[in-house]
Amino acid sequence: MQIGHRRKTDYLLHLCWSLPMLFVLVLTPTLLAAPQTSVHYPGQWVKISDRVYYFQRVATSNSGAILLDDYAIIVDAGQEPLSGQDAVEKLRQVTDKPVKYLVLTHYHDDHLMSVPWFKEQGIVVVAQEETARIIREMGHKLIDQRIKLFGQRRPELKDILKDAVIEGPDVVFREKFTFGWGEDRVELLYFGPARTPGDLFVWLPREKALFTGDAINGKSIQPIHYDYPNTAQWQSALETVLELGADVYLPGHRDPFQSDTVRDIIAYYRDLRTGVQHYIDRDVPLVQIQKEFELNNYRDWQGYEQLFEVHIMVMYRELTGLTQKFYDIK
């Protein structure tokens, strides 16, 4: 599916090279007036190029903005019912182009809680069909799941989400959805299940920039017990992502990064799989594996101390055929 716009000008990606073979991204924070909307997790727009912006929030999911000739696209809606309003009001400090589309990279509630607000503004919501299915099947259970898994660490979630409503997309696609034409186009790409069954990637060929949602979140041990992904499928999707040749990756959490980080993530899951399989081949029970097995090369990754045993458990279940529905959390 393709939505067109007129080609207008060339765009410059704010990138530079410093040390040999070291790629550096220059992020220019946009100075903004005080927000009109009160949210628990505020953010600010960071300029990536003349038409690409990245909305970094405090302690929760990020969003993105892509400025086409006549309109803007927002990537992901945010954790709170008014996260979208906060982002769009601040975007008006950058552009007067109307927001016409909201793209959901996946089903996690911290990326879609503002969907009702966007729809109230007449903004069209787009997602991959598996994401749409999960949102439709789960509904408010997505909020219950969030509070169950993270409420103890973040007690504010109960208050933030007490009046929240889950709504799905208006437009659904299977493998590819395109806005615009030529090098100025914006592509929504699906490479099969990754961290979630419906992860899509937002690709901008001119800037060689890629919004990744939660499929790639930098060098971190992610809470994948939220999804129980098939890590072999996830690795395959990431290898396909590398073929795009992106210069900058804009993740659903934390800071932008480059391709070396994607390669390191692929290596991590390969090493995790190999190590856990070695124990399984010797009939070692899960509890003992969690006590003994370590991957010291990744110990400095965010979340290693808290979540590495969880990763062992998820991989063990995958390799022994004990995987469960990604949204059936026990």
C-alpha atoms as a PDB file:
ATOM      1  CA  MET A   1       0.000   0.000   0.000  1.00  0.00           C
ATOM      2  CA  GLN A   2       1.310   3.481  -0.862  1.00  0.00           C
ATOM      3  CA  ILE A   3       0.336   7.034   0.026  1.00  0.00           C
ATOM      4  CA  GLY A   4       1.917   9.763  -2.117  1.00  0.00           C
ATOM      5  CA  HIS A   5       3.207  13.287  -1.560  1.00  0.00           C
ATOM      6  CA  ARG A   6       5.035  15.802  -3.773  1.00  0.00           C
ATOM      7  CA  ARG A   7       8.806  15.698  -3.778  1.00  0.00           C
ATOM      8  CA  LYS A   8      10.070  19.096  -2.615  1.00  0.00           C
ATOM      9  CA  THR A   9      13.684  19.284  -1.528  1.00  0.00           C
ATOM     10  CA  ASP A  10      16.701  17.345  -0.398  1.00  0.00           C
ATOM     11  CA  TYR A  11      17.209  16.668   3.255  1.00  0.00           C
ATOM     12  CA  LEU A  12      20.443  16.669   5.208  1.00  0.00           C
ATOM     13  CA  LEU A  13      21.192  14.119   7.890  1.00  0.00           C
ATOM     14  CA  HIS A  14      23.178  15.686  10.709  1.00  0.00           C
ATOM     15  CA  LEU A  15      26.002  13.179  10.849  1.00  0.00           C
ATOM     16  CA  CYS A  16      29.753  13.463  11.116  1.00  0.00           C
ATOM     17  CA  TRP A  17      32.837  11.300  11.282  1.00  0.00           C
ATOM     18  CA  SER A  18      35.441  11.784  13.972  1.00  0.00           C
ATOM     19  CA  LEU A  19      37.965   9.014  14.708  1.00  0.00           C
ATOM     20  CA  PRO A  20      38.726   6.530  11.915  1.00  0.00           C
ATOM     21  CA  MET A  21      35.802   4.183  11.380  1.00  0.00           C
ATOM     22  CA  LEU A  22      33.946   5.745  14.323  1.00  0.00           C
ATOM     23  CA  PHE A  23      30.489   6.962  13.427  1.00  0.00           C
ATOM     24  CA  VAL A  24      29.066   9.800  15.485  1.00  0.00           C
ATOM     25  CA  LEU A  25      25.498  11.065  15.452  1.00  0.00           C
ATOM     26  CA  VAL A  26      25.025  14.749  16.189  1.00  0.00           C
ATOM     27  CA  LEU A  27      21.776  15.239  18.085  1.00  0.00           C
ATOM     28  CA  THR A  28      20.513  18.809  18.318  1.00  0.00           C
ATOM     29  CA  PRO A  29      17.881  19.185  21.076  1.00  0.00           C
ATOM     30  CA  THR A  30      15.045  21.504  20.121  1.00  0.00           C
ATOM     31  CA  LEU A  31      14.454  24.206  22.731  1.00  0.00           C
ATOM     32  CA  LEU A  32      10.771  24.279  23.561  1.00  0.00           C
ATOM     33  CA  ALA A  33       8.352  26.348  25.559  1.00  0.00           C
ATOM     34  CA  ALA A  34       6.895  24.857  28.744  1.00  0.00           C
ATOM     35  CA  PRO A  35       4.470  22.061  27.863  1.00  0.00           C
ATOM     36  CA  GLN A  36       0.765  22.833  27.946  1.00  0.00           C
ATOM     37  CA  THR A  37      -0.146  19.250  28.770  1.00  0.00           C
ATOM     38  CA  SER A  38       0.692  17.721  32.138  1.00  0.00           C
ATOM     39  CA  VAL A  39       2.132  14.206  31.856  1.00  0.00           C
ATOM     40  CA  HIS A  40       4.108  12.043  34.260  1.00  0.00           C
ATOM     41  CA  TYR A  41       6.684  11.133  31.583  1.00  0.00           C
ATOM     42  CA  PRO A  42       7.500  14.310  29.615  1.00  0.00           C
ATOM     43  CA  GLY A  43       9.833  14.434  26.642  1.00  0.00           C
ATOM     44  CA  GLN A  44      11.484  16.703  24.125  1.00  0.00           C
ATOM     45  CA  TRP A  45      12.048  16.593  20.391  1.00  0.00           C
ATOM     46  CA  VAL A  46      15.576  15.917  19.169  1.00  0.00           C
ATOM     47  CA  LYS A  47      16.447  16.815  15.582  1.00  0.00           C
ATOM     48  CA  ILE A  48      17.923  14.011  13.488  1.00  0.00           C
ATOM     49  CA  SER A  49      17.520  15.722  10.092  1.00  0.00           C
ATOM     50  CA  ASP A  50      15.393  18.456   8.547  1.00  0.00           C
ATOM     51  CA  ARG A  51      12.448  16.102   8.396  1.00  0.00           C
ATOM     52  CA  VAL A  52      13.180  13.482  11.064  1.00  0.00           C
ATOM     53  CA  TYR A  53      12.735  14.079  14.806  1.00  0.00           C
ATOM     54  CA  TYR A  54      12.977  11.821  17.828  1.00  0.00           C
ATOM     55  CA  PHE A  55      10.853  12.417  20.957  1.00  0.00           C
ATOM     56  CA  GLN A  56      12.814  11.224  23.979  1.00  0.00           C
ATOM     57  CA  ARG A  57      10.784  10.776  27.148  1.00  0.00           C
ATOM     58  CA  VAL A  58      11.905  10.331  30.734  1.00  0.00           C
ATOM     59  CA  ALA A  59      11.860   6.681  31.854  1.00  0.00           C
ATOM     60  CA  THR A  60       9.403   5.381  29.252  1.00  0.00           C
ATOM     61  CA  SER A  61       8.922   4.838  25.522  1.00  0.00           C
ATOM     62  CA  ASN A  62      10.029   7.266  22.813  1.00  0.00           C
ATOM     63  CA  SER A  63       8.140   8.530  19.778  1.00  0.00           C
ATOM     64  CA  GLY A  64       9.206   9.901  16.408  1.00  0.00           C
ATOM     65  CA  ALA A  65       8.085  12.436  13.819  1.00  0.00           C
ATOM     66  CA  ILE A  66       8.618  12.463  10.068  1.00  0.00           C
ATOM     67  CA  LEU A  67       7.825  15.655   8.159  1.00  0.00           C
ATOM     68  CA  LEU A  68       6.658  15.126   4.588  1.00  0.00           C
ATOM     69  CA  ASP A  69       5.675  17.864   2.133  1.00  0.00           C
ATOM     70  CA  ASP A  70       2.190  18.566   3.433  1.00  0.00           C
ATOM     71  CA  TYR A  71       1.833  16.588   6.650  1.00  0.00           C
ATOM     72  CA  ALA A  72       3.608  14.844   9.505  1.00  0.00           C
ATOM     73  CA  ILE A  73       3.701  11.213  10.657  1.00  0.00           C
ATOM     74  CA  ILE A  74       4.084  10.315  14.334  1.00  0.00           C
ATOM     75  CA  VAL A  75       5.753   7.027  15.280  1.00  0.00           C
ATOM     76  CA  ASP A  76       4.257   5.464  18.450  1.00  0.00           C
ATOM     77  CA  ALA A  77       1.756   7.080  20.783  1.00  0.00           C
ATOM     78  CA  GLY A  78       3.379   6.859  24.215  1.00  0.00           C
ATOM     79  CA  GLN A  79       2.687   5.458  27.701  1.00  0.00           C
ATOM     80  CA  GLU A  80       0.002   7.853  28.939  1.00  0.00           C
ATOM     81  CA  PRO A  81      -3.434   8.844  27.592  1.00  0.00           C
ATOM     82  CA  LEU A  82      -2.102  12.381  26.960  1.00  0.00           C
ATOM     83  CA  SER A  83       1.418  11.465  25.821  1.00  0.00           C
ATOM     84  CA  GLY A  84       0.395  12.118  22.231  1.00  0.00           C
ATOM     85  CA  GLN A  85      -0.988  15.544  23.028  1.00  0.00           C
ATOM     86  CA  ASP A  86       2.247  16.458  24.821  1.00  0.00           C
ATOM     87  CA  ALA A  87       4.330  15.341  21.820  1.00  0.00           C
ATOM     88  CA  VAL A  88       2.168  17.049  19.189  1.00  0.00           C
ATOM     89  CA  GLU A  89       1.980  20.351  21.098  1.00  0.00           C
ATOM     90  CA  LYS A  90       5.771  20.398  21.342  1.00  0.00           C
ATOM     91  CA  LEU A  91       6.099  19.443  17.673  1.00  0.00           C
ATOM     92  CA  ARG A  92       4.303  22.695  16.809  1.00  0.00           C
ATOM     93  CA  GLN A  93       7.459  24.457  17.968  1.00  0.00           C
ATOM     94  CA  VAL A  94       9.207  22.680  15.085  1.00  0.00           C
ATOM     95  CA  THR A  95       6.623  22.652  12.273  1.00  0.00           C
ATOM     96  CA  ASP A  96       3.123  23.821  11.439  1.00  0.00           C
ATOM     97  CA  LYS A  97       2.451  20.762   9.285  1.00  0.00           C
ATOM     98  CA  PRO A  98      -0.610  18.833  10.478  1.00  0.00           C
ATOM     99  CA  VAL A  99      -0.179  15.333  11.847  1.00  0.00           C
ATOM    100  CA  LYS A 100      -2.156  12.991   9.589  1.00  0.00           C
ATOM    101  CA  TYR A 101      -0.875   9.536  10.538  1.00  0.00           C
ATOM    102  CA  LEU A 102       0.195   7.655  13.643  1.00  0.00           C
ATOM    103  CA  VAL A 103       2.264   4.493  13.146  1.00  0.00           C
ATOM    104  CA  LEU A 104       2.319   1.817  15.866  1.00  0.00           C
ATOM    105  CA  THR A 105       5.528  -0.209  15.779  1.00  0.00           C
ATOM    106  CA  HIS A 106       4.092  -3.021  17.956  1.00  0.00           C
ATOM    107  CA  TYR A 107       1.417  -3.858  20.525  1.00  0.00           C
ATOM    108  CA  HIS A 108       3.040  -2.885  23.856  1.00  0.00           C
ATOM    109  CA  ASP A 109       0.708  -0.610  25.771  1.00  0.00           C
ATOM    110  CA  ASP A 110       3.475   1.892  26.576  1.00  0.00           C
ATOM    111  CA  HIS A 111       3.555   2.669  22.851  1.00  0.00           C
ATOM    112  CA  LEU A 112      -0.180   2.966  22.242  1.00  0.00           C
ATOM    113  CA  MET A 113      -1.957   4.506  25.235  1.00  0.00           C
ATOM    114  CA  SER A 114      -2.537   7.811  23.395  1.00  0.00           C
ATOM    115  CA  VAL A 115      -4.214   6.179  20.405  1.00  0.00           C
ATOM    116  CA  PRO A 116      -7.702   7.420  21.499  1.00  0.00           C
ATOM    117  CA  TRP A 117      -6.398  11.012  21.658  1.00  0.00           C
ATOM    118  CA  PHE A 118      -4.920  10.753  18.144  1.00  0.00           C
ATOM    119  CA  LYS A 119      -8.187   9.368  16.797  1.00  0.00           C
ATOM    120  CA  GLU A 120     -10.118  12.230  18.392  1.00  0.00           C
ATOM    121  CA  GLN A 121      -7.966  14.588  16.291  1.00  0.00           C
ATOM    122  CA  GLY A 122      -8.890  12.707  13.113  1.00  0.00           C
ATOM    123  CA  ILE A 123      -5.431  11.171  12.790  1.00  0.00           C
ATOM    124  CA  VAL A 124      -5.293   7.796  10.998  1.00  0.00           C
ATOM    125  CA  VAL A 125      -3.600   4.977  12.931  1.00  0.00           C
ATOM    126  CA  VAL A 126      -1.548   2.389  10.993  1.00  0.00           C
ATOM    127  CA  ALA A 127      -0.138  -0.949  12.235  1.00  0.00           C
ATOM    128  CA  GLN A 128       0.958  -4.373  11.031  1.00  0.00           C
ATOM    129  CA  GLU A 129      -1.842  -6.958  11.054  1.00  0.00           C
ATOM    130  CA  GLU A 130      -0.425  -9.070  13.900  1.00  0.00           C
ATOM    131  CA  THR A 131      -0.208  -6.003  16.113  1.00  0.00           C
ATOM    132  CA  ALA A 132      -3.824  -5.184  15.261  1.00  0.00           C
ATOM    133  CA  ARG A 133      -4.885  -8.737  16.113  1.00  0.00           C
ATOM    134  CA  ILE A 134      -3.188  -8.716  19.525  1.00  0.00           C
ATOM    135  CA  ILE A 135      -4.667  -5.339  20.444  1.00  0.00           C
ATOM    136  CA  ARG A 136      -8.107  -6.573  19.383  1.00  0.00           C
ATOM    137  CA  GLU A 137      -7.805  -9.850  21.302  1.00  0.00           C
ATOM    138  CA  MET A 138      -6.244  -8.437  24.434  1.00  0.00           C
ATOM    139  CA  GLY A 139      -7.919  -5.068  24.876  1.00  0.00           C
ATOM    140  CA  HIS A 140      -7.750  -3.830  28.468  1.00  0.00           C
ATOM    141  CA  LYS A 141      -5.769  -6.919  29.493  1.00  0.00           C
ATOM    142  CA  LEU A 142      -2.720  -5.148  28.050  1.00  0.00           C
ATOM    143  CA  ILE A 143      -3.053  -2.556  30.806  1.00  0.00           C
ATOM    144  CA  ASP A 144      -3.577  -5.241  33.460  1.00  0.00           C
ATOM    145  CA  GLN A 145      -0.465  -7.022  32.206  1.00  0.00           C
ATOM    146  CA  ARG A 146       1.617  -3.853  32.368  1.00  0.00           C
ATOM    147  CA  ILE A 147       0.615  -3.182  35.980  1.00  0.00           C
ATOM    148  CA  LYS A 148       1.161  -6.830  36.953  1.00  0.00           C
ATOM    149  CA  LEU A 149       4.693  -6.937  35.540  1.00  0.00           C
ATOM    150  CA  PHE A 150       5.916  -3.436  36.299  1.00  0.00           C
ATOM    151  CA  GLY A 151       3.529  -1.942  38.870  1.00  0.00           C
ATOM    152  CA  GLN A 152       5.662  -2.801  41.881  1.00  0.00           C
ATOM    153  CA  ARG A 153       8.675  -1.023  40.427  1.00  0.00           C
ATOM    154  CA  ARG A 154       6.526   1.821  39.073  1.00  0.00           C
ATOM    155  CA  PRO A 155       3.596   2.329  41.443  1.00  0.00           C
ATOM    156  CA  GLU A 156       2.551   5.474  39.542  1.00  0.00           C
ATOM    157  CA  LEU A 157       1.289   3.278  36.681  1.00  0.00           C
ATOM    158  CA  LYS A 158      -1.965   2.448  38.468  1.00  0.00           C
ATOM    159  CA  ASP A 159      -2.880   6.109  38.641  1.00  0.00           C
ATOM    160  CA  ILE A 160      -1.603   6.942  35.155  1.00  0.00           C
ATOM    161  CA  LEU A 161      -3.591   4.121  33.544  1.00  0.00           C
ATOM    162  CA  LYS A 162      -6.724   4.151  35.724  1.00  0.00           C
ATOM    163  CA  ASP A 163      -8.861   5.783  32.994  1.00  0.00           C
ATOM    164  CA  ALA A 164      -6.896   4.511  30.012  1.00  0.00           C
ATOM    165  CA  VAL A 165      -8.625   2.964  26.999  1.00  0.00           C
ATOM    166  CA  ILE A 166      -7.117   0.554  24.479  1.00  0.00           C
ATOM    167  CA  GLU A 167      -7.953   1.177  20.823  1.00  0.00           C
ATOM    168  CA  GLY A 168      -6.552  -0.466  17.698  1.00  0.00           C
ATOM    169  CA  PRO A 169      -5.441   0.842  14.292  1.00  0.00           C
ATOM    170  CA  ASP A 170      -7.612   2.120  11.443  1.00  0.00           C
ATOM    171  CA  VAL A 171      -5.361   0.815   8.651  1.00  0.00           C
ATOM    172  CA  VAL A 172      -3.672  -2.592   8.696  1.00  0.00           C
ATOM    173  CA  PHE A 173      -1.047  -4.031   6.358  1.00  0.00           C
ATOM    174  CA  ARG A 174       0.844  -7.291   6.052  1.00  0.00           C
ATOM    175  CA  GLU A 175       4.410  -6.787   4.751  1.00  0.00           C
ATOM    176  CA  LYS A 176       4.878  -3.232   3.453  1.00  0.00           C
ATOM    177  CA  PHE A 177       3.164   0.143   3.570  1.00  0.00           C
ATOM    178  CA  THR A 178       4.614   3.226   1.870  1.00  0.00           C
ATOM    179  CA  PHE A 179       4.126   6.959   2.228  1.00  0.00           C
ATOM    180  CA  GLY A 180       5.448   9.054  -0.676  1.00  0.00           C
ATOM    181  CA  TRP A 181       7.703   8.290  -3.620  1.00  0.00           C
ATOM    182  CA  GLY A 182      11.331   7.835  -4.587  1.00  0.00           C
ATOM    183  CA  GLU A 183      14.089   8.485  -2.069  1.00  0.00           C
ATOM    184  CA  ASP A 184      11.773  10.721  -0.056  1.00  0.00           C
ATOM    185  CA  ARG A 185       9.436   7.828   0.681  1.00  0.00           C
ATOM    186  CA  VAL A 186       8.760   6.402   4.125  1.00  0.00           C
ATOM    187  CA  GLU A 187       8.425   2.622   4.292  1.00  0.00           C
ATOM    188  CA  LEU A 188       6.790   0.540   7.006  1.00  0.00           C
ATOM    189  CA  LEU A 189       8.484  -2.851   6.753  1.00  0.00           C
ATOM    190  CA  TYR A 190       7.641  -6.195   8.331  1.00  0.00           C
ATOM    191  CA  PHE A 191      10.337  -8.887   8.381  1.00  0.00           C
ATOM    192  CA  GLY A 192       8.432 -11.499  10.355  1.00  0.00           C
ATOM    193  CA  PRO A 193       8.120 -11.933  14.132  1.00  0.00           C
ATOM    194  CA  ALA A 194      10.870 -10.257  16.122  1.00  0.00           C
ATOM    195  CA  ARG A 195      10.466  -9.360  19.783  1.00  0.00           C
ATOM    196  CA  THR A 196       6.712  -9.349  19.162  1.00  0.00           C
ATOM    197  CA  PRO A 197       4.720 -11.052  16.393  1.00  0.00           C
ATOM    198  CA  GLY A 198       3.947  -7.737  14.656  1.00  0.00           C
ATOM    199  CA  ASP A 199       7.105  -5.612  14.934  1.00  0.00           C
ATOM    200  CA  LEU A 200       7.394  -3.158  12.067  1.00  0.00           C
ATOM    201  CA  PHE A 201      10.341  -0.948  11.137  1.00  0.00           C
ATOM    202  CA  VAL A 202       9.984   2.603   9.796  1.00  0.00           C
ATOM    203  CA  TRP A 203      12.609   3.103   7.088  1.00  0.00           C
ATOM    204  CA  LEU A 204      13.685   6.409   5.525  1.00  0.00           C
ATOM    205  CA  PRO A 205      15.981   5.624   2.557  1.00  0.00           C
ATOM    206  CA  ARG A 206      17.170   9.206   2.011  1.00  0.00           C
ATOM    207  CA  GLU A 207      18.393   9.653   5.573  1.00  0.00           C
ATOM    208  CA  LYS A 208      19.208   5.975   6.040  1.00  0.00           C
ATOM    209  CA  ALA A 209      17.361   6.255   9.354  1.00  0.00           C
ATOM    210  CA  LEU A 210      15.336   3.440  10.912  1.00  0.00           C
ATOM    211  CA  PHE A 211      12.754   3.607  13.710  1.00  0.00           C
ATOM    212  CA  THR A 212      12.905   0.208  15.414  1.00  0.00           C
ATOM    213  CA  GLY A 213      10.232   0.221  18.127  1.00  0.00           C
ATOM    214  CA  ASP A 214      11.145  -2.364  20.766  1.00  0.00           C
ATOM    215  CA  ALA A 215      12.569  -4.855  18.274  1.00  0.00           C
ATOM    216  CA  ILE A 216      15.986  -3.245  18.835  1.00  0.00           C
ATOM    217  CA  ASN A 217      16.553  -1.218  21.992  1.00  0.00           C
ATOM    218  CA  GLY A 218      20.301  -0.939  22.174  1.00  0.00           C
ATOM    219  CA  LYS A 219      22.669  -2.977  24.298  1.00  0.00           C
ATOM    220  CA  SER A 220      20.291  -4.011  27.047  1.00  0.00           C
ATOM    221  CA  ILE A 221      18.813  -7.147  28.550  1.00  0.00           C
ATOM    222  CA  GLN A 222      15.176  -6.496  27.728  1.00  0.00           C
ATOM    223  CA  PRO A 223      12.211  -7.817  29.748  1.00  0.00           C
ATOM    224  CA  ILE A 224      11.315 -10.358  27.085  1.00  0.00           C
ATOM    225  CA  HIS A 225       9.202 -12.411  29.505  1.00  0.00           C
ATOM    226  CA  TYR A 226       6.617  -9.810  28.502  1.00  0.00           C
ATOM    227  CA  ASP A 227       6.462 -11.507  25.099  1.00  0.00           C
ATOM    228  CA  TYR A 228       8.196 -14.913  25.105  1.00  0.00           C
ATOM    229  CA  PRO A 229       9.579 -14.279  21.596  1.00  0.00           C
ATOM    230  CA  ASN A 230      11.029 -16.927  19.347  1.00  0.00           C
ATOM    231  CA  THR A 231      14.613 -15.688  19.433  1.00  0.00           C
ATOM    232  CA  ALA A 232      15.569 -17.546  16.252  1.00  0.00           C
ATOM    233  CA  GLN A 233      12.882 -15.628  14.335  1.00  0.00           C
ATOM    234  CA  TRP A 234      13.943 -12.431  16.063  1.00  0.00           C
ATOM    235  CA  GLN A 235      17.561 -12.956  15.024  1.00  0.00           C
ATOM    236  CA  SER A 236      16.464 -13.576  11.439  1.00  0.00           C
ATOM    237  CA  ALA A 237      14.513 -10.302  11.417  1.00  0.00           C
ATOM    238  CA  LEU A 238      17.520  -8.404  12.768  1.00  0.00           C
ATOM    239  CA  GLU A 239      19.797  -9.871  10.117  1.00  0.00           C
ATOM    240  CA  THR A 240      17.347  -8.635   7.470  1.00  0.00           C
ATOM    241  CA  VAL A 241      17.337  -5.210   9.113  1.00  0.00           C
ATOM    242  CA  LEU A 242      21.132  -5.014   8.724  1.00  0.00           C
ATOM    243  CA  GLU A 243      20.727  -5.462   4.965  1.00  0.00           C
ATOM    244  CA  LEU A 244      18.981  -2.078   4.780  1.00  0.00           C
ATOM    245  CA  GLY A 245      22.293  -0.382   5.572  1.00  0.00           C
ATOM    246  CA  ALA A 246      20.890   2.129   8.071  1.00  0.00           C
ATOM    247  CA  ASP A 247      23.240   4.821   9.409  1.00  0.00           C
ATOM    248  CA  VAL A 248      21.183   5.562  12.494  1.00  0.00           C
ATOM    249  CA  TYR A 249      18.695   3.478  14.482  1.00  0.00           C
ATOM    250  CA  LEU A 250      16.000   5.226  16.534  1.00  0.00           C
ATOM    251  CA  PRO A 251      14.726   2.797  19.186  1.00  0.00           C
ATOM    252  CA  GLY A 252      11.547   2.662  21.241  1.00  0.00           C
ATOM    253  CA  HIS A 253      13.593   3.201  24.427  1.00  0.00           C
ATOM    254  CA  ARG A 254      16.908   4.855  25.227  1.00  0.00           C
ATOM    255  CA  ASP A 255      19.307   6.516  22.774  1.00  0.00           C
ATOM    256  CA  PRO A 256      19.999   6.140  19.034  1.00  0.00           C
ATOM    257  CA  PHE A 257      22.758   3.783  17.912  1.00  0.00           C
ATOM    258  CA  GLN A 258      24.468   2.350  14.814  1.00  0.00           C
ATOM    259  CA  SER A 259      24.752  -1.048  13.105  1.00  0.00           C
ATOM    260  CA  ASP A 260      27.492  -2.385  15.377  1.00  0.00           C
ATOM    261  CA  THR A 261      24.948  -2.463  18.191  1.00  0.00           C
ATOM    262  CA  VAL A 262      22.578  -4.590  16.092  1.00  0.00           C
ATOM    263  CA  ARG A 263      25.388  -7.038  15.386  1.00  0.00           C
ATOM    264  CA  ASP A 264      26.184  -7.224  19.100  1.00  0.00           C
ATOM    265  CA  ILE A 265      22.531  -7.986  19.905  1.00  0.00           C
ATOM    266  CA  ILE A 266      22.480 -10.778  17.324  1.00  0.00           C
ATOM    267  CA  ALA A 267      25.693 -12.162  18.854  1.00  0.00           C
ATOM    268  CA  TYR A 268      24.185 -11.993  22.346  1.00  0.00           C
ATOM    269  CA  TYR A 269      21.159 -14.122  21.470  1.00  0.00           C
ATOM    270  CA  ARG A 270      23.373 -16.546  19.546  1.00  0.00           C
ATOM    271  CA  ASP A 271      25.639 -16.939  22.580  1.00  0.00           C
ATOM    272  CA  LEU A 272      22.660 -17.263  24.921  1.00  0.00           C
ATOM    273  CA  ARG A 273      21.165 -19.976  22.723  1.00  0.00           C
ATOM    274  CA  THR A 274      24.448 -21.902  22.442  1.00  0.00           C
ATOM    275  CA  GLY A 275      25.128 -21.741  26.173  1.00  0.00           C
ATOM    276  CA  VAL A 276      21.658 -22.818  27.304  1.00  0.00           C
ATOM    277  CA  GLN A 277      21.583 -25.623  24.732  1.00  0.00           C
ATOM    278  CA  HIS A 278      24.873 -26.935  26.136  1.00  0.00           C
ATOM    279  CA  TYR A 279      23.243 -27.352  29.558  1.00  0.00           C
ATOM    280  CA  ILE A 280      20.068 -28.875  28.096  1.00  0.00           C
ATOM    281  CA  ASP A 281      22.166 -31.462  26.259  1.00  0.00           C
ATOM    282  CA  ARG A 282      23.507 -32.561  29.656  1.00  0.00           C
ATOM    283  CA  ASP A 283      20.014 -32.664  31.210  1.00  0.00           C
ATOM    284  CA  VAL A 284      20.787 -29.851  33.635  1.00  0.00           C
ATOM    285  CA  PRO A 285      17.594 -28.443  35.194  1.00  0.00           C
ATOM    286  CA  LEU A 286      16.635 -24.811  34.613  1.00  0.00           C
ATOM    287  CA  VAL A 287      17.241 -23.695  38.208  1.00  0.00           C
ATOM    288  CA  GLN A 288      20.819 -24.948  38.084  1.00  0.00           C
ATOM    289  CA  ILE A 289      21.433 -23.338  34.696  1.00  0.00           C
ATOM    290  CA  GLN A 290      20.291 -20.012  36.115  1.00  0.00           C
ATOM    291  CA  LYS A 291      22.751 -20.398  38.988  1.00  0.00           C
ATOM    292  CA  GLU A 292      25.744 -21.424  36.880  1.00  0.00           C
ATOM    293  CA  PHE A 293      25.499 -19.923  33.405  1.00  0.00           C
ATOM    294  CA  GLU A 294      26.920 -16.475  32.748  1.00  0.00           C
ATOM    295  CA  LEU A 295      27.772 -14.399  29.699  1.00  0.00           C
ATOM    296  CA  ASN A 296      30.455 -12.109  31.059  1.00  0.00           C
ATOM    297  CA  ASN A 297      30.984 -10.305  27.751  1.00  0.00           C
ATOM    298  CA  TYR A 298      27.550  -8.735  28.211  1.00  0.00           C
ATOM    299  CA  ARG A 299      27.639  -8.080  31.958  1.00  0.00           C
ATOM    300  CA  ASP A 300      27.872  -4.314  31.444  1.00  0.00           C
ATOM    301  CA  TRP A 301      24.647  -4.233  29.410  1.00  0.00           C
ATOM    302  CA  GLN A 302      21.746  -2.486  31.063  1.00  0.00           C
ATOM    303  CA  GLY A 303      19.512  -4.954  32.909  1.00  0.00           C
ATOM    304  CA  TYR A 304      21.999  -7.839  32.994  1.00  0.00           C
ATOM    305  CA  GLU A 305      21.960  -8.296  36.770  1.00  0.00           C
ATOM    306  CA  GLN A 306      18.183  -8.012  36.994  1.00  0.00           C
ATOM    307  CA  LEU A 307      17.052  -9.924  33.920  1.00  0.00           C
ATOM    308  CA  PHE A 308      19.709 -12.359  32.706  1.00  0.00           C
ATOM    309  CA  GLU A 309      18.154 -15.252  34.639  1.00  0.00           C
ATOM    310  CA  VAL A 310      14.844 -14.382  32.969  1.00  0.00           C
ATOM    311  CA  HIS A 311      16.539 -14.583  29.560  1.00  0.00           C
ATOM    312  CA  ILE A 312      17.910 -18.019  30.473  1.00  0.00           C
ATOM    313  CA  MET A 313      14.387 -19.114  31.377  1.00  0.00           C
ATOM    314  CA  VAL A 314      12.874 -17.773  28.144  1.00  0.00           C
ATOM    315  CA  MET A 315      15.577 -19.450  26.043  1.00  0.00           C
ATOM    316  CA  TYR A 316      15.232 -22.708  27.988  1.00  0.00           C
ATOM    317  CA  ARG A 317      11.495 -22.760  27.325  1.00  0.00           C
ATOM    318  CA  GLU A 318      12.057 -22.062  23.642  1.00  0.00           C
ATOM    319  CA  LEU A 319      14.666 -24.806  23.211  1.00  0.00           C
ATOM    320  CA  THR A 320      12.667 -27.407  25.153  1.00  0.00           C
ATOM    321  CA  GLY A 321       9.360 -26.669  23.441  1.00  0.00           C
ATOM    322  CA  LEU A 322       7.780 -25.145  26.541  1.00  0.00           C
ATOM    323  CA  THR A 323       7.098 -21.731  25.030  1.00  0.00           C
ATOM    324  CA  GLN A 324       3.822 -20.102  25.906  1.00  0.00           C
ATOM    325  CA  LYS A 325       1.663 -17.492  24.229  1.00  0.00           C
ATOM    326  CA  PHE A 326       3.566 -14.228  24.229  1.00  0.00           C
ATOM    327  CA  TYR A 327       0.679 -12.504  26.021  1.00  0.00           C
ATOM    328  CA  ASP A 328      -0.161 -15.369  28.420  1.00  0.00           C
ATOM    329  CA  ILE A 329       2.027 -14.265  31.305  1.00  0.00           C
ATOM    330  CA  LYS A 330       2.178 -16.621  34.288  1.00  0.00           C
END
